[in-house]
Amino acid sequence: MGKTKRPLYFIENQNGAGNPHDKLDPKVSASIIIAHARDGADMLRAHKLPKPIRDIAEQHHGTTLLKYFYFKATKLAEEHGTDKQWTEEDYRYPGPKAQSKEAAIVGIADCVEAAVRSLNHPTVDQIEGIISKIIKERLDDNQFNECDLTLRELDKIAETLKQTVIGMFHSRIEYPDDKEMKKLKEAKEKRHDAELGMGR
């Protein structure tokens, strides 16, 4: 919701039209991205939507780190030989962390959708990898500590998201063609025969 305020600053809306962040200081970029969670909650509040929905808008990024801009700022400081004038906290969303399972799920789904949309021709393997990476990073960063999500539920979320994303982006997903599939099958059969031969 909050992304509608400055849509072109979000990669999934750029459609190859150039990235305005390329010309901005990373701290400015981070502040624009971070603002969308608050902007969304404010817009929902102004239209008198229920508090649980506003909470999701405010909490769906928790206190996650904007890694791209943090590392961009670090690299620029190294290149210019200057000391860092910021901390990791300056590149994190202010939170709060997800207080409900729904807020956590929306956060994962939002991040996955943006990541997949930024790829020209995603493969099924890439989609699976993106989903696993996003969930693992949030888990390792303790983003689910306040919403009682279990590992079993995270597995179910990952599988459901995979099926949903494949459905959404079906026309853009690259599937191995028949020739490639045949080659893979033949290679697998050769490996199997070789293993049998070694076992004799």
C-alpha atoms as a PDB file:
ATOM      1  CA  MET A   1       0.000   0.000   0.000  1.00  0.00           C
ATOM      2  CA  GLY A   2       2.699   2.481   1.014  1.00  0.00           C
ATOM      3  CA  LYS A   3       4.621   1.776  -2.202  1.00  0.00           C
ATOM      4  CA  THR A   4       1.906   3.581  -4.171  1.00  0.00           C
ATOM      5  CA  LYS A   5       3.259   6.866  -2.788  1.00  0.00           C
ATOM      6  CA  ARG A   6       6.597   6.499  -4.636  1.00  0.00           C
ATOM      7  CA  PRO A   7       6.119   3.452  -6.896  1.00  0.00           C
ATOM      8  CA  LEU A   8       9.176   3.885  -9.127  1.00  0.00           C
ATOM      9  CA  TYR A   9      11.554   3.548  -6.190  1.00  0.00           C
ATOM     10  CA  PHE A  10      10.594  -0.118  -5.857  1.00  0.00           C
ATOM     11  CA  ILE A  11      12.302  -2.547  -8.223  1.00  0.00           C
ATOM     12  CA  GLU A  12       9.181  -4.554  -9.022  1.00  0.00           C
ATOM     13  CA  ASN A  13       7.592  -1.412 -10.539  1.00  0.00           C
ATOM     14  CA  GLN A  14      10.535  -0.266 -12.651  1.00  0.00           C
ATOM     15  CA  ASN A  15      10.068  -2.622 -15.623  1.00  0.00           C
ATOM     16  CA  GLY A  16      13.502  -1.854 -17.071  1.00  0.00           C
ATOM     17  CA  ALA A  17      12.915   1.906 -16.961  1.00  0.00           C
ATOM     18  CA  GLY A  18      16.047   2.572 -14.891  1.00  0.00           C
ATOM     19  CA  ASN A  19      16.555   2.631 -11.164  1.00  0.00           C
ATOM     20  CA  PRO A  20      16.332   6.089  -9.507  1.00  0.00           C
ATOM     21  CA  HIS A  21      18.387   4.749  -6.570  1.00  0.00           C
ATOM     22  CA  ASP A  22      21.449   4.655  -8.836  1.00  0.00           C
ATOM     23  CA  LYS A  23      21.656   8.453  -8.470  1.00  0.00           C
ATOM     24  CA  LEU A  24      20.863   8.660  -4.755  1.00  0.00           C
ATOM     25  CA  ASP A  25      22.929   8.448  -1.598  1.00  0.00           C
ATOM     26  CA  PRO A  26      22.233   5.003  -0.052  1.00  0.00           C
ATOM     27  CA  LYS A  27      20.956   6.600   3.183  1.00  0.00           C
ATOM     28  CA  VAL A  28      18.362   8.572   1.200  1.00  0.00           C
ATOM     29  CA  SER A  29      17.387   5.427  -0.703  1.00  0.00           C
ATOM     30  CA  ALA A  30      17.014   3.494   2.547  1.00  0.00           C
ATOM     31  CA  SER A  31      14.813   6.195   4.075  1.00  0.00           C
ATOM     32  CA  ILE A  32      12.504   6.122   1.017  1.00  0.00           C
ATOM     33  CA  ILE A  33      12.167   2.335   1.154  1.00  0.00           C
ATOM     34  CA  ILE A  34      11.728   2.265   4.941  1.00  0.00           C
ATOM     35  CA  ALA A  35       8.994   4.945   4.745  1.00  0.00           C
ATOM     36  CA  HIS A  36       6.620   2.731   2.749  1.00  0.00           C
ATOM     37  CA  ALA A  37       5.643   0.622   5.777  1.00  0.00           C
ATOM     38  CA  ARG A  38       4.711   3.718   7.780  1.00  0.00           C
ATOM     39  CA  ASP A  39       3.075   5.364   4.750  1.00  0.00           C
ATOM     40  CA  GLY A  40       0.929   2.276   4.203  1.00  0.00           C
ATOM     41  CA  ALA A  41      -0.199   2.197   7.836  1.00  0.00           C
ATOM     42  CA  ASP A  42      -1.000   5.947   7.714  1.00  0.00           C
ATOM     43  CA  MET A  43      -3.054   5.548   4.514  1.00  0.00           C
ATOM     44  CA  LEU A  44      -5.000   2.651   6.028  1.00  0.00           C
ATOM     45  CA  ARG A  45      -5.595   4.670   9.201  1.00  0.00           C
ATOM     46  CA  ALA A  46      -6.845   7.640   7.159  1.00  0.00           C
ATOM     47  CA  HIS A  47      -9.360   5.372   5.424  1.00  0.00           C
ATOM     48  CA  LYS A  48     -10.421   3.856   8.762  1.00  0.00           C
ATOM     49  CA  LEU A  49      -9.404   0.285   7.970  1.00  0.00           C
ATOM     50  CA  PRO A  50      -9.330  -2.096  10.958  1.00  0.00           C
ATOM     51  CA  LYS A  51      -6.291  -2.104  13.263  1.00  0.00           C
ATOM     52  CA  PRO A  52      -5.209  -5.708  12.439  1.00  0.00           C
ATOM     53  CA  ILE A  53      -4.791  -4.673   8.781  1.00  0.00           C
ATOM     54  CA  ARG A  54      -2.909  -1.500   9.748  1.00  0.00           C
ATOM     55  CA  ASP A  55      -0.676  -3.602  11.992  1.00  0.00           C
ATOM     56  CA  ILE A  56       0.247  -5.874   9.077  1.00  0.00           C
ATOM     57  CA  ALA A  57       1.246  -2.848   6.974  1.00  0.00           C
ATOM     58  CA  GLU A  58       3.402  -1.519   9.806  1.00  0.00           C
ATOM     59  CA  GLN A  59       4.951  -4.850  10.879  1.00  0.00           C
ATOM     60  CA  HIS A  60       5.443  -6.834   7.668  1.00  0.00           C
ATOM     61  CA  HIS A  61       9.144  -5.863   7.362  1.00  0.00           C
ATOM     62  CA  GLY A  62       9.796  -6.098  11.095  1.00  0.00           C
ATOM     63  CA  THR A  63      13.287  -4.793  11.814  1.00  0.00           C
ATOM     64  CA  THR A  64      14.912  -6.328   8.735  1.00  0.00           C
ATOM     65  CA  LEU A  65      18.093  -4.872   7.282  1.00  0.00           C
ATOM     66  CA  LEU A  66      18.133  -3.182   3.888  1.00  0.00           C
ATOM     67  CA  LYS A  67      21.267  -5.120   2.944  1.00  0.00           C
ATOM     68  CA  TYR A  68      21.700  -3.728  -0.545  1.00  0.00           C
ATOM     69  CA  PHE A  69      21.876  -0.107   0.617  1.00  0.00           C
ATOM     70  CA  TYR A  70      23.871  -0.935   3.749  1.00  0.00           C
ATOM     71  CA  PHE A  71      26.556  -2.681   1.700  1.00  0.00           C
ATOM     72  CA  LYS A  72      26.428   0.037  -0.966  1.00  0.00           C
ATOM     73  CA  ALA A  73      27.125   2.658   1.724  1.00  0.00           C
ATOM     74  CA  THR A  74      29.942   0.508   3.150  1.00  0.00           C
ATOM     75  CA  LYS A  75      31.530   0.104  -0.282  1.00  0.00           C
ATOM     76  CA  LEU A  76      31.316   3.847  -1.016  1.00  0.00           C
ATOM     77  CA  ALA A  77      32.976   4.639   2.330  1.00  0.00           C
ATOM     78  CA  GLU A  78      35.792   2.193   1.544  1.00  0.00           C
ATOM     79  CA  GLU A  79      36.276   3.646  -1.941  1.00  0.00           C
ATOM     80  CA  HIS A  80      36.481   7.201  -0.547  1.00  0.00           C
ATOM     81  CA  GLY A  81      38.634   6.168   2.405  1.00  0.00           C
ATOM     82  CA  THR A  82      36.165   7.614   4.918  1.00  0.00           C
ATOM     83  CA  ASP A  83      34.935   6.245   8.241  1.00  0.00           C
ATOM     84  CA  LYS A  84      31.408   4.935   8.510  1.00  0.00           C
ATOM     85  CA  GLN A  85      29.108   7.607   9.874  1.00  0.00           C
ATOM     86  CA  TRP A  86      26.281   5.148  10.435  1.00  0.00           C
ATOM     87  CA  THR A  87      25.450   1.836  12.025  1.00  0.00           C
ATOM     88  CA  GLU A  88      23.529  -1.196  10.798  1.00  0.00           C
ATOM     89  CA  GLU A  89      20.512   0.107  12.759  1.00  0.00           C
ATOM     90  CA  ASP A  90      20.326   3.120  10.409  1.00  0.00           C
ATOM     91  CA  TYR A  91      19.581   0.691   7.576  1.00  0.00           C
ATOM     92  CA  ARG A  92      16.949  -1.350   9.404  1.00  0.00           C
ATOM     93  CA  TYR A  93      13.185  -0.935   9.400  1.00  0.00           C
ATOM     94  CA  PRO A  94      12.067   0.503  12.751  1.00  0.00           C
ATOM     95  CA  GLY A  95       9.653  -2.355  13.432  1.00  0.00           C
ATOM     96  CA  PRO A  96       7.898  -3.601  15.374  1.00  0.00           C
ATOM     97  CA  LYS A  97       8.585  -7.208  14.408  1.00  0.00           C
ATOM     98  CA  ALA A  98       5.582  -9.186  13.232  1.00  0.00           C
ATOM     99  CA  GLN A  99       3.196  -9.623  16.152  1.00  0.00           C
ATOM    100  CA  SER A 100       0.941 -12.032  14.250  1.00  0.00           C
ATOM    101  CA  LYS A 101       1.478 -14.949  11.903  1.00  0.00           C
ATOM    102  CA  GLU A 102      -0.434 -13.011   9.263  1.00  0.00           C
ATOM    103  CA  ALA A 103       1.999 -10.081   9.416  1.00  0.00           C
ATOM    104  CA  ALA A 104       4.957 -12.460   9.102  1.00  0.00           C
ATOM    105  CA  ILE A 105       3.399 -14.266   6.117  1.00  0.00           C
ATOM    106  CA  VAL A 106       2.595 -11.000   4.324  1.00  0.00           C
ATOM    107  CA  GLY A 107       6.201  -9.881   4.908  1.00  0.00           C
ATOM    108  CA  ILE A 108       7.617 -13.071   3.400  1.00  0.00           C
ATOM    109  CA  ALA A 109       5.185 -12.980   0.465  1.00  0.00           C
ATOM    110  CA  ASP A 110       5.890  -9.301  -0.246  1.00  0.00           C
ATOM    111  CA  CYS A 111       9.635  -9.866  -0.308  1.00  0.00           C
ATOM    112  CA  VAL A 112       9.362 -12.998  -2.477  1.00  0.00           C
ATOM    113  CA  GLU A 113       7.027 -11.330  -4.973  1.00  0.00           C
ATOM    114  CA  ALA A 114       9.347  -8.333  -5.375  1.00  0.00           C
ATOM    115  CA  ALA A 115      12.428 -10.557  -5.764  1.00  0.00           C
ATOM    116  CA  VAL A 116      10.828 -12.817  -8.395  1.00  0.00           C
ATOM    117  CA  ARG A 117       9.306  -9.879 -10.288  1.00  0.00           C
ATOM    118  CA  SER A 118      12.775  -8.366 -10.669  1.00  0.00           C
ATOM    119  CA  LEU A 119      13.948 -11.443 -12.652  1.00  0.00           C
ATOM    120  CA  ASN A 120      13.340 -11.572 -16.411  1.00  0.00           C
ATOM    121  CA  HIS A 121      12.815 -15.311 -16.789  1.00  0.00           C
ATOM    122  CA  PRO A 122      12.848 -17.003 -13.391  1.00  0.00           C
ATOM    123  CA  THR A 123      13.257 -20.758 -13.215  1.00  0.00           C
ATOM    124  CA  VAL A 124      11.479 -23.015 -10.738  1.00  0.00           C
ATOM    125  CA  ASP A 125      14.834 -23.627  -9.016  1.00  0.00           C
ATOM    126  CA  GLN A 126      15.423 -19.869  -8.687  1.00  0.00           C
ATOM    127  CA  ILE A 127      11.955 -19.382  -7.201  1.00  0.00           C
ATOM    128  CA  GLU A 128      12.534 -22.169  -4.667  1.00  0.00           C
ATOM    129  CA  GLY A 129      15.945 -20.691  -3.831  1.00  0.00           C
ATOM    130  CA  ILE A 130      14.564 -17.174  -3.327  1.00  0.00           C
ATOM    131  CA  ILE A 131      11.775 -18.403  -1.022  1.00  0.00           C
ATOM    132  CA  SER A 132      14.167 -20.535   1.060  1.00  0.00           C
ATOM    133  CA  LYS A 133      16.723 -17.716   1.312  1.00  0.00           C
ATOM    134  CA  ILE A 134      14.177 -15.094   2.402  1.00  0.00           C
ATOM    135  CA  ILE A 135      12.643 -17.360   5.051  1.00  0.00           C
ATOM    136  CA  LYS A 136      16.065 -18.461   6.354  1.00  0.00           C
ATOM    137  CA  GLU A 137      17.384 -14.898   6.544  1.00  0.00           C
ATOM    138  CA  ARG A 138      14.342 -13.755   8.510  1.00  0.00           C
ATOM    139  CA  LEU A 139      14.537 -16.778  10.777  1.00  0.00           C
ATOM    140  CA  ASP A 140      18.266 -16.190  11.432  1.00  0.00           C
ATOM    141  CA  ASP A 141      17.537 -12.494  12.068  1.00  0.00           C
ATOM    142  CA  ASN A 142      14.942 -13.420  14.751  1.00  0.00           C
ATOM    143  CA  GLN A 143      12.121 -11.742  12.842  1.00  0.00           C
ATOM    144  CA  PHE A 144       9.583 -14.438  13.821  1.00  0.00           C
ATOM    145  CA  ASN A 145      10.338 -14.426  17.557  1.00  0.00           C
ATOM    146  CA  GLU A 146       7.213 -12.497  18.498  1.00  0.00           C
ATOM    147  CA  CYS A 147       4.589 -14.216  16.340  1.00  0.00           C
ATOM    148  CA  ASP A 148       4.864 -17.929  17.269  1.00  0.00           C
ATOM    149  CA  LEU A 149       5.482 -19.290  13.766  1.00  0.00           C
ATOM    150  CA  THR A 150       6.745 -22.874  13.875  1.00  0.00           C
ATOM    151  CA  LEU A 151       9.283 -24.453  11.524  1.00  0.00           C
ATOM    152  CA  ARG A 152       6.558 -26.775  10.236  1.00  0.00           C
ATOM    153  CA  GLU A 153       4.395 -23.765   9.408  1.00  0.00           C
ATOM    154  CA  LEU A 154       7.325 -22.081   7.645  1.00  0.00           C
ATOM    155  CA  ASP A 155       7.766 -25.206   5.487  1.00  0.00           C
ATOM    156  CA  LYS A 156       4.073 -25.061   4.592  1.00  0.00           C
ATOM    157  CA  ILE A 157       4.322 -21.332   3.805  1.00  0.00           C
ATOM    158  CA  ALA A 158       7.342 -21.984   1.557  1.00  0.00           C
ATOM    159  CA  GLU A 159       5.548 -24.712  -0.409  1.00  0.00           C
ATOM    160  CA  THR A 160       2.342 -22.668  -0.755  1.00  0.00           C
ATOM    161  CA  LEU A 161       4.291 -19.606  -1.885  1.00  0.00           C
ATOM    162  CA  LYS A 162       6.170 -21.672  -4.461  1.00  0.00           C
ATOM    163  CA  GLN A 163       2.924 -22.912  -6.010  1.00  0.00           C
ATOM    164  CA  THR A 164       1.370 -19.426  -5.906  1.00  0.00           C
ATOM    165  CA  VAL A 165       4.385 -17.696  -7.474  1.00  0.00           C
ATOM    166  CA  ILE A 166       4.656 -20.331 -10.207  1.00  0.00           C
ATOM    167  CA  GLY A 167       0.974 -19.713 -10.970  1.00  0.00           C
ATOM    168  CA  MET A 168       1.406 -15.941 -10.994  1.00  0.00           C
ATOM    169  CA  PHE A 169       4.501 -15.894 -13.189  1.00  0.00           C
ATOM    170  CA  HIS A 170       3.755 -18.981 -15.271  1.00  0.00           C
ATOM    171  CA  SER A 171       4.165 -17.219 -18.628  1.00  0.00           C
ATOM    172  CA  ARG A 172       7.610 -15.889 -17.636  1.00  0.00           C
ATOM    173  CA  ILE A 173       9.052 -19.004 -16.008  1.00  0.00           C
ATOM    174  CA  GLU A 174      11.682 -20.892 -17.955  1.00  0.00           C
ATOM    175  CA  TYR A 175      11.127 -24.628 -17.975  1.00  0.00           C
ATOM    176  CA  PRO A 176      13.750 -27.011 -19.363  1.00  0.00           C
ATOM    177  CA  ASP A 177      12.751 -27.944 -22.925  1.00  0.00           C
ATOM    178  CA  ASP A 178      12.211 -31.561 -24.001  1.00  0.00           C
ATOM    179  CA  LYS A 179      15.727 -31.847 -25.444  1.00  0.00           C
ATOM    180  CA  GLU A 180      17.309 -30.660 -22.220  1.00  0.00           C
ATOM    181  CA  MET A 181      15.085 -32.958 -20.161  1.00  0.00           C
ATOM    182  CA  LYS A 182      16.104 -35.897 -22.358  1.00  0.00           C
ATOM    183  CA  LYS A 183      19.810 -35.063 -21.862  1.00  0.00           C
ATOM    184  CA  LEU A 184      19.332 -34.865 -18.095  1.00  0.00           C
ATOM    185  CA  LYS A 185      17.514 -38.205 -18.086  1.00  0.00           C
ATOM    186  CA  GLU A 186      20.250 -39.860 -20.176  1.00  0.00           C
ATOM    187  CA  ALA A 187      22.986 -38.471 -17.900  1.00  0.00           C
ATOM    188  CA  LYS A 188      21.116 -39.761 -14.852  1.00  0.00           C
ATOM    189  CA  GLU A 189      20.767 -43.213 -16.431  1.00  0.00           C
ATOM    190  CA  LYS A 190      24.516 -43.297 -17.289  1.00  0.00           C
ATOM    191  CA  ARG A 191      25.390 -42.374 -13.693  1.00  0.00           C
ATOM    192  CA  HIS A 192      23.070 -45.081 -12.427  1.00  0.00           C
ATOM    193  CA  ASP A 193      24.630 -47.697 -14.773  1.00  0.00           C
ATOM    194  CA  ALA A 194      28.135 -46.619 -13.714  1.00  0.00           C
ATOM    195  CA  GLU A 195      27.203 -46.931 -10.036  1.00  0.00           C
ATOM    196  CA  LEU A 196      25.793 -50.426 -10.662  1.00  0.00           C
ATOM    197  CA  GLY A 197      28.988 -51.363 -12.512  1.00  0.00           C
ATOM    198  CA  MET A 198      31.134 -50.138  -9.639  1.00  0.00           C
ATOM    199  CA  GLY A 199      29.065 -52.192  -7.228  1.00  0.00           C
ATOM    200  CA  ARG A 200      29.565 -55.464  -9.106  1.00  0.00           C
END
